[in-house]
Amino acid sequence: MAISREVAAVLLETARAGYVLRTLAQGAGTVTFQYVPMMCDRTPISLSLLDRFATLASDLLGRSVLPRRAKGAKYYGDTGWHRDSGHEIASVGVVTYLDRVDSTNGALWVLAGSHAHREVPLPSIGSDGTAEALDTEPGDVIVFDEHLIHGSHGGGERRPAAIR
């Protein structure tokens, strides 16, 4: 898959340049990751996906959209429950995992319907009884409302490409 090769090459280049992993507080937990923007002439596949998914987002939202970023990343371990947007404006995110992920190795977990109930607080780690794992194969695309509560649990290293 071409996007996988592009993300791998850029992540390798940043690692060789001495890019260090970051760990940040996120929602109800933390996230450890390596992140690279993918919005330049050296990442033509990501740029083309940015355009294609902007059209999809526009169709879903019924209005023009302004994509914020395309990124490649490598995540390590769990990612705490969080929402990608706290703004009142409707927005969608698009993510594809470049490796097979399921409930045992880092799939995206979501709390279905939480995007429609923004007053719902983030759950604490371990209290996610109604969460659903979105198992994916390389190339599958997940499109979601950025107000949806989501995270990743029980996983190791995983490589998503995201457009927001």
Protein backbone atom coordinates (compact mmCIF):
# COMPACT_ATOMS: atom_id res chain seq x y z
CA MET A 1 0.00 0.00 0.00
CA ALA A 2 1.56 3.29 -1.12
CA ILE A 3 0.44 5.35 1.89
CA SER A 4 2.10 2.80 4.19
CA ARG A 5 5.42 3.16 2.39
CA GLU A 6 5.17 6.96 2.45
CA VAL A 7 4.43 7.09 6.19
CA ALA A 8 7.16 4.53 6.98
CA ALA A 9 9.74 6.51 5.00
CA VAL A 10 8.90 9.81 6.70
CA LEU A 11 8.85 8.24 10.18
CA LEU A 12 12.23 6.62 9.51
CA GLU A 13 13.67 9.91 8.28
CA THR A 14 12.51 11.73 11.41
CA ALA A 15 13.90 8.97 13.64
CA ARG A 16 17.30 9.28 11.93
CA ALA A 17 17.16 13.04 12.52
CA GLY A 18 16.87 12.39 16.25
CA TYR A 19 13.14 12.95 16.69
CA VAL A 20 12.18 11.78 20.16
CA LEU A 21 8.96 10.16 21.31
CA ARG A 22 6.50 12.37 23.10
CA THR A 23 4.15 11.43 25.90
CA LEU A 24 1.26 13.78 26.56
CA ALA A 25 -1.79 13.81 28.80
CA GLN A 26 -4.81 13.14 26.63
CA GLY A 27 -8.36 13.03 27.89
CA ALA A 28 -8.59 10.38 30.58
CA GLY A 29 -5.05 9.06 30.07
CA THR A 30 -1.87 9.62 28.12
CA VAL A 31 -0.54 8.95 24.64
CA THR A 32 3.04 8.13 23.58
CA PHE A 33 3.76 8.75 19.92
CA GLN A 34 5.97 9.82 17.07
CA TYR A 35 4.16 12.31 14.80
CA VAL A 36 5.01 13.84 11.44
CA PRO A 37 2.96 16.26 9.32
CA MET A 38 2.30 14.86 5.84
CA MET A 39 1.35 17.99 3.90
CA CYS A 40 4.20 18.81 1.53
CA ASP A 41 5.57 17.89 -1.87
CA ARG A 42 7.53 15.02 -0.27
CA THR A 43 4.25 13.33 0.72
CA PRO A 44 2.17 13.38 -2.49
CA ILE A 45 0.00 10.42 -1.55
CA SER A 46 -1.07 12.06 1.72
CA LEU A 47 -1.81 15.28 -0.12
CA SER A 48 -4.01 13.47 -2.64
CA LEU A 49 -5.88 11.72 0.20
CA LEU A 50 -6.35 15.09 1.89
CA ASP A 51 -8.17 16.34 -1.22
CA ARG A 52 -10.23 13.17 -1.64
CA PHE A 53 -11.31 13.01 2.00
CA ALA A 54 -12.12 16.74 2.03
CA THR A 55 -14.72 15.99 -0.65
CA LEU A 56 -16.11 13.15 1.49
CA ALA A 57 -16.24 15.40 4.59
CA SER A 58 -17.99 18.12 2.59
CA ASP A 59 -20.60 15.62 1.38
CA LEU A 60 -21.17 14.29 4.93
CA LEU A 61 -21.44 17.73 6.52
CA GLY A 62 -23.36 19.36 3.67
CA ARG A 63 -21.01 22.33 3.44
CA SER A 64 -17.52 23.35 2.40
CA VAL A 65 -14.70 22.18 4.66
CA LEU A 66 -11.17 23.28 5.37
CA PRO A 67 -8.91 20.30 6.18
CA ARG A 68 -6.55 21.07 9.07
CA ARG A 69 -3.83 18.48 8.63
CA ALA A 70 -2.67 15.16 7.29
CA LYS A 71 -0.34 13.26 9.58
CA GLY A 72 1.52 10.02 9.88
CA ALA A 73 2.14 8.64 13.34
CA LYS A 74 3.40 5.72 15.32
CA TYR A 75 1.63 5.19 18.64
CA TYR A 76 2.92 3.07 21.51
CA GLY A 77 0.69 1.48 24.17
CA ASP A 78 -2.70 2.83 25.17
CA THR A 79 -4.26 6.13 24.14
CA GLY A 80 -6.63 7.47 26.78
CA TRP A 81 -10.28 8.26 26.15
CA HIS A 82 -10.67 11.63 24.44
CA ARG A 83 -12.55 13.69 21.87
CA ASP A 84 -10.64 15.20 18.94
CA SER A 85 -12.69 18.40 19.09
CA GLY A 86 -14.22 20.45 21.84
CA HIS A 87 -15.57 23.05 19.42
CA GLU A 88 -19.27 23.41 18.66
CA ILE A 89 -18.75 23.23 14.90
CA ALA A 90 -19.44 19.87 13.21
CA SER A 91 -16.26 18.15 12.02
CA VAL A 92 -15.11 14.72 10.90
CA GLY A 93 -11.84 12.86 11.17
CA VAL A 94 -10.54 10.20 8.81
CA VAL A 95 -8.04 7.55 9.86
CA THR A 96 -6.58 4.44 8.26
CA TYR A 97 -4.33 2.05 10.13
CA LEU A 98 -1.39 0.83 8.12
CA ASP A 99 -1.23 -2.46 10.03
CA ARG A 100 -3.95 -4.91 11.03
CA VAL A 101 -5.42 -3.88 14.39
CA ASP A 102 -8.09 -5.48 16.54
CA SER A 103 -9.28 -5.41 20.15
CA THR A 104 -6.11 -7.16 21.34
CA ASN A 105 -3.44 -5.02 19.68
CA GLY A 106 -4.46 -1.37 19.54
CA ALA A 107 -7.66 -0.97 17.53
CA LEU A 108 -9.62 2.24 17.85
CA TRP A 109 -12.28 1.84 20.56
CA VAL A 110 -15.35 4.07 20.44
CA LEU A 111 -18.28 4.88 22.70
CA ALA A 112 -21.09 4.73 20.16
CA GLY A 113 -23.42 7.73 20.25
CA SER A 114 -21.15 9.82 22.48
CA HIS A 115 -20.74 12.42 19.72
CA ALA A 116 -24.42 13.32 20.12
CA HIS A 117 -24.08 13.74 23.89
CA ARG A 118 -21.22 16.14 24.39
CA GLU A 119 -22.06 16.62 28.06
CA VAL A 120 -21.08 12.99 28.76
CA PRO A 121 -17.79 13.02 30.67
CA LEU A 122 -14.84 10.95 29.58
CA PRO A 123 -14.87 7.54 31.25
CA SER A 124 -12.03 6.50 33.49
CA ILE A 125 -9.65 3.84 32.24
CA GLY A 126 -11.22 0.42 32.71
CA SER A 127 -14.81 1.68 32.90
CA ASP A 128 -15.54 1.25 29.21
CA GLY A 129 -18.11 -1.54 29.29
CA THR A 130 -20.11 -0.15 26.37
CA ALA A 131 -17.11 0.54 24.14
CA GLU A 132 -16.73 -1.13 20.76
CA ALA A 133 -13.44 -1.99 19.05
CA LEU A 134 -13.18 -1.18 15.34
CA ASP A 135 -11.07 -3.99 13.92
CA THR A 136 -9.41 -2.98 10.66
CA GLU A 137 -7.19 -4.32 7.92
CA PRO A 138 -4.58 -2.15 6.17
CA GLY A 139 -6.39 0.23 3.84
CA ASP A 140 -9.71 0.24 5.71
CA VAL A 141 -10.87 3.79 6.38
CA ILE A 142 -12.65 4.99 9.52
CA VAL A 143 -14.61 8.24 9.25
CA PHE A 144 -15.99 9.62 12.52
CA ASP A 145 -17.44 12.71 14.15
CA GLU A 146 -14.56 14.38 16.00
CA HIS A 147 -16.78 14.77 19.10
CA LEU A 148 -16.95 10.96 19.45
CA ILE A 149 -15.28 9.63 22.60
CA HIS A 150 -12.56 7.20 21.52
CA GLY A 151 -9.21 5.74 22.54
CA SER A 152 -7.01 2.70 22.11
CA HIS A 153 -6.47 0.06 24.77
CA GLY A 154 -4.44 -3.11 25.08
CA GLY A 155 -2.27 -2.35 22.13
CA GLY A 156 1.33 -2.03 21.25
CA GLU A 157 2.89 -0.22 18.34
CA ARG A 158 0.53 0.91 15.57
CA ARG A 159 0.76 3.23 12.59
CA PRO A 160 -2.23 5.33 11.58
CA ALA A 161 -2.44 7.96 8.89
CA ALA A 162 -5.03 10.60 9.74
CA ILE A 163 -6.67 13.55 8.05
CA ARG A 164 -8.59 16.16 9.99
